[in-house]
Amino acid sequence: MAFSSTVRQQIYNNANGKCEKCGTSLSGKEWEAHHKRHVSSGGSNTASNGMALCKPCHGTMYGRGH
């Protein structure tokens, strides 16, 4: 399940516009809102359960780097 656009903006603001894994600026770049705890595992679609990641870092969160 996806985050709403309002929650995505909150996640971006909470991260100060930077990738929470590598620290790169997300300004003007495509980025992903990642669930810290998956909804299927009891996580929520709230900003506190989300993190802002650049696309390369988000790709590492599935199977290889997380």
PDB file of N, CA and C in Angstrom:
ATOM      1  N   MET A   1       0.845  -1.176   0.000  1.00  0.00           N
ATOM      2  CA  MET A   1       0.000   0.000   0.000  1.00  0.00           C
ATOM      3  C   MET A   1       0.891   1.239   0.000  1.00  0.00           C
ATOM      4  N   ALA A   2       0.487   2.229  -0.726  1.00  0.00           N
ATOM      5  CA  ALA A   2       1.310   3.423  -0.899  1.00  0.00           C
ATOM      6  C   ALA A   2       0.963   4.506   0.125  1.00  0.00           C
ATOM      7  N   PHE A   3       1.924   5.378   0.367  1.00  0.00           N
ATOM      8  CA  PHE A   3       1.700   6.549   1.200  1.00  0.00           C
ATOM      9  C   PHE A   3       0.897   7.571   0.397  1.00  0.00           C
ATOM     10  N   SER A   4       0.076   8.335   1.064  1.00  0.00           N
ATOM     11  CA  SER A   4      -0.648   9.425   0.399  1.00  0.00           C
ATOM     12  C   SER A   4       0.340  10.531   0.035  1.00  0.00           C
ATOM     13  N   SER A   5      -0.053  11.414  -0.833  1.00  0.00           N
ATOM     14  CA  SER A   5       0.836  12.513  -1.234  1.00  0.00           C
ATOM     15  C   SER A   5       1.151  13.424  -0.044  1.00  0.00           C
ATOM     16  N   THR A   6       0.205  13.606   0.861  1.00  0.00           N
ATOM     17  CA  THR A   6       0.436  14.428   2.053  1.00  0.00           C
ATOM     18  C   THR A   6       1.482  13.786   2.955  1.00  0.00           C
ATOM     19  N   VAL A   7       1.366  12.480   3.153  1.00  0.00           N
ATOM     20  CA  VAL A   7       2.329  11.764   4.001  1.00  0.00           C
ATOM     21  C   VAL A   7       3.697  11.734   3.324  1.00  0.00           C
ATOM     22  N   ARG A   8       3.742  11.558   2.006  1.00  0.00           N
ATOM     23  CA  ARG A   8       5.024  11.596   1.283  1.00  0.00           C
ATOM     24  C   ARG A   8       5.729  12.934   1.523  1.00  0.00           C
ATOM     25  N   GLN A   9       4.980  14.019   1.499  1.00  0.00           N
ATOM     26  CA  GLN A   9       5.572  15.336   1.734  1.00  0.00           C
ATOM     27  C   GLN A   9       6.096  15.440   3.156  1.00  0.00           C
ATOM     28  N   GLN A  10       5.370  14.885   4.124  1.00  0.00           N
ATOM     29  CA  GLN A  10       5.821  14.887   5.519  1.00  0.00           C
ATOM     30  C   GLN A  10       7.124  14.083   5.657  1.00  0.00           C
ATOM     31  N   ILE A  11       7.193  12.937   4.988  1.00  0.00           N
ATOM     32  CA  ILE A  11       8.402  12.106   5.033  1.00  0.00           C
ATOM     33  C   ILE A  11       9.585  12.882   4.465  1.00  0.00           C
ATOM     34  N   TYR A  12       9.376  13.548   3.336  1.00  0.00           N
ATOM     35  CA  TYR A  12      10.424  14.360   2.700  1.00  0.00           C
ATOM     36  C   TYR A  12      10.873  15.469   3.644  1.00  0.00           C
ATOM     37  N   ASN A  13       9.931  16.152   4.247  1.00  0.00           N
ATOM     38  CA  ASN A  13      10.253  17.244   5.173  1.00  0.00           C
ATOM     39  C   ASN A  13      10.998  16.727   6.406  1.00  0.00           C
ATOM     40  N   ASN A  14      10.556  15.601   6.944  1.00  0.00           N
ATOM     41  CA  ASN A  14      11.214  15.013   8.118  1.00  0.00           C
ATOM     42  C   ASN A  14      12.667  14.646   7.820  1.00  0.00           C
ATOM     43  N   ALA A  15      12.932  14.275   6.573  1.00  0.00           N
ATOM     44  CA  ALA A  15      14.286  13.886   6.160  1.00  0.00           C
ATOM     45  C   ALA A  15      15.105  15.096   5.701  1.00  0.00           C
ATOM     46  N   ASN A  16      14.536  16.293   5.814  1.00  0.00           N
ATOM     47  CA  ASN A  16      15.201  17.523   5.373  1.00  0.00           C
ATOM     48  C   ASN A  16      15.622  17.450   3.914  1.00  0.00           C
ATOM     49  N   GLY A  17      14.825  16.739   3.101  1.00  0.00           N
ATOM     50  CA  GLY A  17      15.090  16.660   1.668  1.00  0.00           C
ATOM     51  C   GLY A  17      16.312  15.845   1.302  1.00  0.00           C
ATOM     52  N   LYS A  18      16.751  14.954   2.200  1.00  0.00           N
ATOM     53  CA  LYS A  18      17.941  14.137   1.936  1.00  0.00           C
ATOM     54  C   LYS A  18      17.609  12.660   2.075  1.00  0.00           C
ATOM     55  N   CYS A  19      18.311  11.844   1.301  1.00  0.00           N
ATOM     56  CA  CYS A  19      18.172  10.398   1.409  1.00  0.00           C
ATOM     57  C   CYS A  19      18.600   9.984   2.812  1.00  0.00           C
ATOM     58  N   GLU A  20      17.772   9.198   3.460  1.00  0.00           N
ATOM     59  CA  GLU A  20      18.060   8.789   4.832  1.00  0.00           C
ATOM     60  C   GLU A  20      19.058   7.637   4.912  1.00  0.00           C
ATOM     61  N   LYS A  21      19.516   7.155   3.781  1.00  0.00           N
ATOM     62  CA  LYS A  21      20.535   6.111   3.795  1.00  0.00           C
ATOM     63  C   LYS A  21      21.907   6.672   3.425  1.00  0.00           C
ATOM     64  N   CYS A  22      21.990   7.435   2.333  1.00  0.00           N
ATOM     65  CA  CYS A  22      23.300   7.915   1.881  1.00  0.00           C
ATOM     66  C   CYS A  22      23.506   9.415   2.072  1.00  0.00           C
ATOM     67  N   GLY A  23      22.436  10.157   2.368  1.00  0.00           N
ATOM     68  CA  GLY A  23      22.552  11.575   2.645  1.00  0.00           C
ATOM     69  C   GLY A  23      22.524  12.494   1.446  1.00  0.00           C
ATOM     70  N   THR A  24      22.363  11.944   0.246  1.00  0.00           N
ATOM     71  CA  THR A  24      22.333  12.790  -0.949  1.00  0.00           C
ATOM     72  C   THR A  24      21.067  13.652  -0.971  1.00  0.00           C
ATOM     73  N   SER A  25      21.164  14.828  -1.544  1.00  0.00           N
ATOM     74  CA  SER A  25      20.030  15.727  -1.663  1.00  0.00           C
ATOM     75  C   SER A  25      19.008  15.137  -2.631  1.00  0.00           C
ATOM     76  N   LEU A  26      17.746  15.172  -2.244  1.00  0.00           N
ATOM     77  CA  LEU A  26      16.678  14.665  -3.092  1.00  0.00           C
ATOM     78  C   LEU A  26      16.021  15.766  -3.906  1.00  0.00           C
ATOM     79  N   SER A  27      16.458  16.991  -3.728  1.00  0.00           N
ATOM     80  CA  SER A  27      15.876  18.135  -4.421  1.00  0.00           C
ATOM     81  C   SER A  27      16.004  17.959  -5.929  1.00  0.00           C
ATOM     82  N   GLY A  28      14.873  17.980  -6.597  1.00  0.00           N
ATOM     83  CA  GLY A  28      14.858  17.859  -8.055  1.00  0.00           C
ATOM     84  C   GLY A  28      15.082  16.456  -8.576  1.00  0.00           C
ATOM     85  N   LYS A  29      15.195  15.474  -7.678  1.00  0.00           N
ATOM     86  CA  LYS A  29      15.406  14.086  -8.088  1.00  0.00           C
ATOM     87  C   LYS A  29      14.170  13.260  -7.759  1.00  0.00           C
ATOM     88  N   GLU A  30      14.036  12.162  -8.486  1.00  0.00           N
ATOM     89  CA  GLU A  30      13.001  11.215  -8.117  1.00  0.00           C
ATOM     90  C   GLU A  30      13.452  10.510  -6.847  1.00  0.00           C
ATOM     91  N   TRP A  31      12.527  10.248  -5.963  1.00  0.00           N
ATOM     92  CA  TRP A  31      12.840   9.567  -4.718  1.00  0.00           C
ATOM     93  C   TRP A  31      11.693   8.649  -4.337  1.00  0.00           C
ATOM     94  N   GLU A  32      11.949   7.766  -3.394  1.00  0.00           N
ATOM     95  CA  GLU A  32      10.961   6.789  -2.966  1.00  0.00           C
ATOM     96  C   GLU A  32      10.676   6.947  -1.476  1.00  0.00           C
ATOM     97  N   ALA A  33       9.426   6.783  -1.112  1.00  0.00           N
ATOM     98  CA  ALA A  33       9.025   6.723   0.294  1.00  0.00           C
ATOM     99  C   ALA A  33       8.986   5.246   0.659  1.00  0.00           C
ATOM    100  N   HIS A  34       9.839   4.847   1.580  1.00  0.00           N
ATOM    101  CA  HIS A  34       9.995   3.440   1.957  1.00  0.00           C
ATOM    102  C   HIS A  34       9.358   3.181   3.311  1.00  0.00           C
ATOM    103  N   HIS A  35       8.592   2.086   3.417  1.00  0.00           N
ATOM    104  CA  HIS A  35       8.029   1.681   4.703  1.00  0.00           C
ATOM    105  C   HIS A  35       9.128   1.066   5.561  1.00  0.00           C
ATOM    106  N   LYS A  36       9.327   1.583   6.751  1.00  0.00           N
ATOM    107  CA  LYS A  36      10.282   0.986   7.686  1.00  0.00           C
ATOM    108  C   LYS A  36       9.797  -0.402   8.101  1.00  0.00           C
ATOM    109  N   ARG A  37       8.527  -0.506   8.383  1.00  0.00           N
ATOM    110  CA  ARG A  37       7.896  -1.789   8.687  1.00  0.00           C
ATOM    111  C   ARG A  37       6.764  -1.970   7.685  1.00  0.00           C
ATOM    112  N   HIS A  38       6.823  -3.024   6.913  1.00  0.00           N
ATOM    113  CA  HIS A  38       5.826  -3.262   5.873  1.00  0.00           C
ATOM    114  C   HIS A  38       4.420  -3.333   6.458  1.00  0.00           C
ATOM    115  N   VAL A  39       3.455  -2.854   5.699  1.00  0.00           N
ATOM    116  CA  VAL A  39       2.059  -2.871   6.119  1.00  0.00           C
ATOM    117  C   VAL A  39       1.620  -4.314   6.396  1.00  0.00           C
ATOM    118  N   SER A  40       2.077  -5.251   5.587  1.00  0.00           N
ATOM    119  CA  SER A  40       1.707  -6.658   5.781  1.00  0.00           C
ATOM    120  C   SER A  40       2.252  -7.229   7.089  1.00  0.00           C
ATOM    121  N   SER A  41       3.229  -6.540   7.673  1.00  0.00           N
ATOM    122  CA  SER A  41       3.800  -6.968   8.959  1.00  0.00           C
ATOM    123  C   SER A  41       3.318  -6.100  10.114  1.00  0.00           C
ATOM    124  N   GLY A  42       2.260  -5.335   9.866  1.00  0.00           N
ATOM    125  CA  GLY A  42       1.697  -4.513  10.920  1.00  0.00           C
ATOM    126  C   GLY A  42       2.094  -3.054  10.890  1.00  0.00           C
ATOM    127  N   GLY A  43       2.866  -2.657   9.893  1.00  0.00           N
ATOM    128  CA  GLY A  43       3.270  -1.255   9.760  1.00  0.00           C
ATOM    129  C   GLY A  43       2.127  -0.386   9.261  1.00  0.00           C
ATOM    130  N   SER A  44       2.271   0.889   9.434  1.00  0.00           N
ATOM    131  CA  SER A  44       1.228   1.832   9.038  1.00  0.00           C
ATOM    132  C   SER A  44       1.691   2.689   7.859  1.00  0.00           C
ATOM    133  N   ASN A  45       0.744   3.428   7.311  1.00  0.00           N
ATOM    134  CA  ASN A  45       1.041   4.370   6.236  1.00  0.00           C
ATOM    135  C   ASN A  45       1.176   5.782   6.784  1.00  0.00           C
ATOM    136  N   THR A  46       1.833   5.913   7.930  1.00  0.00           N
ATOM    137  CA  THR A  46       2.058   7.209   8.551  1.00  0.00           C
ATOM    138  C   THR A  46       3.489   7.659   8.302  1.00  0.00           C
ATOM    139  N   ALA A  47       3.737   8.935   8.454  1.00  0.00           N
ATOM    140  CA  ALA A  47       5.073   9.486   8.215  1.00  0.00           C
ATOM    141  C   ALA A  47       6.108   8.872   9.157  1.00  0.00           C
ATOM    142  N   SER A  48       5.705   8.508  10.355  1.00  0.00           N
ATOM    143  CA  SER A  48       6.661   7.933  11.299  1.00  0.00           C
ATOM    144  C   SER A  48       7.135   6.539  10.875  1.00  0.00           C
ATOM    145  N   ASN A  49       6.418   5.899   9.978  1.00  0.00           N
ATOM    146  CA  ASN A  49       6.805   4.583   9.464  1.00  0.00           C
ATOM    147  C   ASN A  49       7.441   4.686   8.077  1.00  0.00           C
ATOM    148  N   GLY A  50       7.771   5.880   7.666  1.00  0.00           N
ATOM    149  CA  GLY A  50       8.348   6.063   6.332  1.00  0.00           C
ATOM    150  C   GLY A  50       9.727   6.674   6.384  1.00  0.00           C
ATOM    151  N   MET A  51      10.488   6.426   5.337  1.00  0.00           N
ATOM    152  CA  MET A  51      11.780   7.076   5.193  1.00  0.00           C
ATOM    153  C   MET A  51      11.972   7.460   3.734  1.00  0.00           C
ATOM    154  N   ALA A  52      12.643   8.579   3.534  1.00  0.00           N
ATOM    155  CA  ALA A  52      12.914   9.090   2.195  1.00  0.00           C
ATOM    156  C   ALA A  52      14.223   8.500   1.688  1.00  0.00           C
ATOM    157  N   LEU A  53      14.179   7.902   0.510  1.00  0.00           N
ATOM    158  CA  LEU A  53      15.362   7.286  -0.072  1.00  0.00           C
ATOM    159  C   LEU A  53      15.504   7.673  -1.535  1.00  0.00           C
ATOM    160  N   CYS A  54      16.746   7.880  -1.972  1.00  0.00           N
ATOM    161  CA  CYS A  54      16.982   8.065  -3.402  1.00  0.00           C
ATOM    162  C   CYS A  54      16.691   6.723  -4.080  1.00  0.00           C
ATOM    163  N   LYS A  55      16.451   6.743  -5.376  1.00  0.00           N
ATOM    164  CA  LYS A  55      16.117   5.499  -6.069  1.00  0.00           C
ATOM    165  C   LYS A  55      17.194   4.427  -5.935  1.00  0.00           C
ATOM    166  N   PRO A  56      18.496   4.765  -6.078  1.00  0.00           N
ATOM    167  CA  PRO A  56      19.509   3.708  -5.921  1.00  0.00           C
ATOM    168  C   PRO A  56      19.485   3.065  -4.530  1.00  0.00           C
ATOM    169  N   CYS A  57      19.348   3.871  -3.482  1.00  0.00           N
ATOM    170  CA  CYS A  57      19.302   3.309  -2.130  1.00  0.00           C
ATOM    171  C   CYS A  57      18.039   2.495  -1.910  1.00  0.00           C
ATOM    172  N   HIS A  58      16.930   2.950  -2.467  1.00  0.00           N
ATOM    173  CA  HIS A  58      15.697   2.190  -2.305  1.00  0.00           C
ATOM    174  C   HIS A  58      15.835   0.806  -2.929  1.00  0.00           C
ATOM    175  N   GLY A  59      16.543   0.727  -4.057  1.00  0.00           N
ATOM    176  CA  GLY A  59      16.763  -0.555  -4.699  1.00  0.00           C
ATOM    177  C   GLY A  59      17.553  -1.523  -3.845  1.00  0.00           C
ATOM    178  N   THR A  60      18.404  -1.010  -2.969  1.00  0.00           N
ATOM    179  CA  THR A  60      19.212  -1.886  -2.117  1.00  0.00           C
ATOM    180  C   THR A  60      18.435  -2.417  -0.925  1.00  0.00           C
ATOM    181  N   MET A  61      17.254  -1.858  -0.667  1.00  0.00           N
ATOM    182  CA  MET A  61      16.491  -2.241   0.508  1.00  0.00           C
ATOM    183  C   MET A  61      15.786  -3.588   0.340  1.00  0.00           C
ATOM    184  N   TYR A  62      15.799  -4.136  -0.850  1.00  0.00           N
ATOM    185  CA  TYR A  62      15.086  -5.387  -1.114  1.00  0.00           C
ATOM    186  C   TYR A  62      16.052  -6.501  -1.448  1.00  0.00           C
ATOM    187  N   GLY A  63      16.409  -7.272  -0.435  1.00  0.00           N
ATOM    188  CA  GLY A  63      17.181  -8.472  -0.651  1.00  0.00           C
ATOM    189  C   GLY A  63      18.685  -8.333  -0.565  1.00  0.00           C
ATOM    190  N   ARG A  64      19.243  -7.231  -1.014  1.00  0.00           N
ATOM    191  CA  ARG A  64      20.705  -7.127  -1.072  1.00  0.00           C
ATOM    192  C   ARG A  64      21.275  -6.365   0.096  1.00  0.00           C
ATOM    193  N   GLY A  65      20.712  -5.226   0.420  1.00  0.00           N
ATOM    194  CA  GLY A  65      21.380  -4.390   1.391  1.00  0.00           C
ATOM    195  C   GLY A  65      20.641  -4.150   2.684  1.00  0.00           C
ATOM    196  N   HIS A  66      19.532  -4.831   2.907  1.00  0.00           N
ATOM    197  CA  HIS A  66      18.738  -4.542   4.112  1.00  0.00           C
ATOM    198  C   HIS A  66      18.538  -5.779   4.924  1.00  0.00           C
TER     199      HIS A  66
END
